[in-house]
C-alpha atoms as a PDB file:
ATOM      1  CA  MET A   1      14.441 -88.131  46.839  1.00  0.00           C
ATOM      2  CA  LYS A   2      14.981 -84.412  47.232  1.00  0.00           C
ATOM      3  CA  THR A   3      12.270 -82.413  48.952  1.00  0.00           C
ATOM      4  CA  THR A   4      11.875 -80.227  45.869  1.00  0.00           C
ATOM      5  CA  ASN A   5      11.197 -83.294  43.692  1.00  0.00           C
ATOM      6  CA  ALA A   6       8.665 -84.606  46.199  1.00  0.00           C
ATOM      7  CA  ALA A   7       6.919 -81.217  46.231  1.00  0.00           C
ATOM      8  CA  VAL A   8       6.570 -81.270  42.432  1.00  0.00           C
ATOM      9  CA  ILE A   9       5.088 -84.770  42.622  1.00  0.00           C
ATOM     10  CA  CYS A  10       2.688 -83.688  45.377  1.00  0.00           C
ATOM     11  CA  LYS A  11       1.524 -80.836  43.167  1.00  0.00           C
ATOM     12  CA  ALA A  12       1.071 -83.219  40.220  1.00  0.00           C
ATOM     13  CA  LEU A  13      -0.963 -85.593  42.374  1.00  0.00           C
ATOM     14  CA  GLY A  14      -3.168 -82.737  43.593  1.00  0.00           C
ATOM     15  CA  ASP A  15      -5.464 -83.056  40.579  1.00  0.00           C
ATOM     16  CA  VAL A  16      -8.197 -85.696  40.358  1.00  0.00           C
ATOM     17  CA  ASN A  17      -7.702 -86.210  36.608  1.00  0.00           C
ATOM     18  CA  ARG A  18      -3.991 -86.911  37.058  1.00  0.00           C
ATOM     19  CA  LEU A  19      -4.693 -89.347  39.900  1.00  0.00           C
ATOM     20  CA  GLN A  20      -7.204 -91.149  37.699  1.00  0.00           C
ATOM     21  CA  ILE A  21      -4.702 -91.247  34.828  1.00  0.00           C
ATOM     22  CA  LEU A  22      -2.171 -92.910  37.140  1.00  0.00           C
ATOM     23  CA  GLN A  23      -4.769 -95.436  38.271  1.00  0.00           C
ATOM     24  CA  LEU A  24      -5.416 -96.358  34.640  1.00  0.00           C
ATOM     25  CA  LEU A  25      -1.701 -96.642  33.897  1.00  0.00           C
ATOM     26  CA  PHE A  26      -1.242 -99.106  36.772  1.00  0.00           C
ATOM     27  CA  ASN A  27      -2.987-101.585  34.454  1.00  0.00           C
ATOM     28  CA  GLY A  28      -0.254-101.143  31.835  1.00  0.00           C
ATOM     29  CA  GLU A  29       0.826 -98.964  28.941  1.00  0.00           C
ATOM     30  CA  MET A  30      -1.818 -96.780  27.335  1.00  0.00           C
ATOM     31  CA  CYS A  31      -1.815 -94.431  24.385  1.00  0.00           C
ATOM     32  CA  ALA A  32      -3.335 -90.966  24.553  1.00  0.00           C
ATOM     33  CA  CYS A  33      -6.394 -91.977  22.532  1.00  0.00           C
ATOM     34  CA  ASP A  34      -7.151 -94.820  24.973  1.00  0.00           C
ATOM     35  CA  LEU A  35      -6.763 -92.477  27.931  1.00  0.00           C
ATOM     36  CA  LEU A  36      -9.119 -89.940  26.338  1.00  0.00           C
ATOM     37  CA  GLU A  37     -11.878 -92.561  26.234  1.00  0.00           C
ATOM     38  CA  HIS A  38     -11.986 -92.519  30.045  1.00  0.00           C
ATOM     39  CA  PHE A  39     -12.328 -88.753  30.464  1.00  0.00           C
ATOM     40  CA  ASP A  40     -14.438 -85.855  29.366  1.00  0.00           C
ATOM     41  CA  LEU A  41     -11.331 -83.918  28.347  1.00  0.00           C
ATOM     42  CA  SER A  42     -10.078 -82.381  25.145  1.00  0.00           C
ATOM     43  CA  GLN A  43      -6.856 -83.696  23.629  1.00  0.00           C
ATOM     44  CA  PRO A  44      -4.952 -80.487  24.548  1.00  0.00           C
ATOM     45  CA  THR A  45      -6.135 -80.777  28.160  1.00  0.00           C
ATOM     46  CA  LEU A  46      -4.995 -84.400  28.336  1.00  0.00           C
ATOM     47  CA  SER A  47      -1.640 -83.345  26.862  1.00  0.00           C
ATOM     48  CA  TYR A  48      -1.336 -80.704  29.592  1.00  0.00           C
ATOM     49  CA  HIS A  49      -1.944 -83.309  32.323  1.00  0.00           C
ATOM     50  CA  MET A  50       0.461 -85.767  30.701  1.00  0.00           C
ATOM     51  CA  LYS A  51       3.164 -83.089  30.502  1.00  0.00           C
ATOM     52  CA  ILE A  52       2.874 -82.490  34.236  1.00  0.00           C
ATOM     53  CA  LEU A  53       3.064 -86.226  34.958  1.00  0.00           C
ATOM     54  CA  THR A  54       6.046 -86.744  32.659  1.00  0.00           C
ATOM     55  CA  ASP A  55       7.870 -83.596  33.834  1.00  0.00           C
ATOM     56  CA  CYS A  56       7.868 -84.886  37.428  1.00  0.00           C
ATOM     57  CA  ALA A  57       8.916 -88.337  36.109  1.00  0.00           C
ATOM     58  CA  LEU A  58       5.907 -90.232  37.466  1.00  0.00           C
ATOM     59  CA  VAL A  59       5.047 -91.227  33.898  1.00  0.00           C
ATOM     60  CA  ASP A  60       7.279 -92.150  30.977  1.00  0.00           C
ATOM     61  CA  SER A  61       6.286 -91.249  27.430  1.00  0.00           C
ATOM     62  CA  GLN A  62       7.326 -92.966  24.238  1.00  0.00           C
ATOM     63  CA  LYS A  63       6.383 -91.616  20.837  1.00  0.00           C
ATOM     64  CA  SER A  64       5.289 -94.106  18.198  1.00  0.00           C
ATOM     65  CA  GLY A  65       4.423 -92.359  14.948  1.00  0.00           C
ATOM     66  CA  LYS A  66       1.982 -89.608  15.865  1.00  0.00           C
ATOM     67  CA  MET A  67       0.859 -91.316  19.053  1.00  0.00           C
ATOM     68  CA  ASN A  68       2.333 -91.104  22.547  1.00  0.00           C
ATOM     69  CA  HIS A  69       2.321 -94.194  24.749  1.00  0.00           C
ATOM     70  CA  TYR A  70       2.482 -93.750  28.506  1.00  0.00           C
ATOM     71  CA  THR A  71       3.659 -95.988  31.344  1.00  0.00           C
ATOM     72  CA  ILE A  72       4.207 -95.572  35.075  1.00  0.00           C
ATOM     73  CA  ASN A  73       7.809 -94.827  36.048  1.00  0.00           C
ATOM     74  CA  CYS A  74       8.125 -97.358  38.875  1.00  0.00           C
ATOM     75  CA  ASN A  75      11.498 -96.030  40.057  1.00  0.00           C
ATOM     76  CA  THR A  76      10.128 -92.543  40.668  1.00  0.00           C
ATOM     77  CA  LEU A  77       7.019 -93.942  42.319  1.00  0.00           C
ATOM     78  CA  LYS A  78       9.126 -96.119  44.642  1.00  0.00           C
ATOM     79  CA  ASP A  79      11.393 -93.166  45.524  1.00  0.00           C
ATOM     80  CA  TYR A  80       8.349 -91.023  46.292  1.00  0.00           C
ATOM     81  CA  LYS A  81       6.841 -93.787  48.420  1.00  0.00           C
ATOM     82  CA  ARG A  82      10.084 -94.055  50.424  1.00  0.00           C
ATOM     83  CA  PHE A  83      10.076 -90.275  50.874  1.00  0.00           C
ATOM     84  CA  ILE A  84       6.501 -90.333  52.210  1.00  0.00           C
ATOM     85  CA  GLU A  85       7.223 -93.310  54.457  1.00  0.00           C
ATOM     86  CA  GLY A  86      10.146 -91.319  55.901  1.00  0.00           C
ATOM     87  CA  LEU A  87       7.690 -88.751  57.232  1.00  0.00           C
ATOM     88  CA  ASP A  88       7.401 -90.457  60.598  1.00  0.00           C
ATOM     89  CA  CYS A  89       5.412 -88.688  63.307  1.00  0.00           C
ATOM     90  CA  SER A  90       6.823 -90.907  66.021  1.00  0.00           C
ATOM     91  CA  LYS A  91      10.030 -88.847  65.737  1.00  0.00           C
ATOM     92  CA  SER A  92       8.190 -85.587  66.533  1.00  0.00           C
ATOM     93  CA  LYS A  93       7.540 -86.231  70.238  1.00  0.00           C
ATOM     94  CA  LYS A  94      10.074 -83.650  71.439  1.00  0.00           C
ATOM     95  CA  THR A  95       8.530 -80.428  72.739  1.00  0.00           C
ATOM     96  CA  CYS A  96       9.733 -76.995  71.854  1.00  0.00           C
ATOM     97  CA  ASP A  97      12.581 -75.744  74.085  1.00  0.00           C
ATOM     98  CA  CYS A  98      11.168 -72.202  74.190  1.00  0.00           C
ATOM     99  CA  HIS A  99       8.576 -73.285  76.759  1.00  0.00           C
ATOM    100  CA  ASN A 100      11.309 -74.421  79.161  1.00  0.00           C
ATOM    101  CA  LYS A 101      13.290 -71.136  79.113  1.00  0.00           C
ATOM    102  CA  GLU A 102      10.910 -69.030  81.213  1.00  0.00           C
END
């Protein structure tokens, strides 16, 4: 995963409502009306959050009539998890060379 893609996902995950939406979607596909039942949000506000989640590809959307159905995009989530797991602090033991050049 590119760093820019990971940054967009980090930004998307930086909102409690979007994190809660993802937690709900881990249980399976949900339509917008079912999601709204779990939040004190207006429909336009939910649409805004869903746009952010779909734009970064964490969530897939499928339109059925007038209703959108949402699911977790497992491939994106797995790629993001690998990216985060690659941030290994055991590799950062080297000290800065500028302190040795005095």
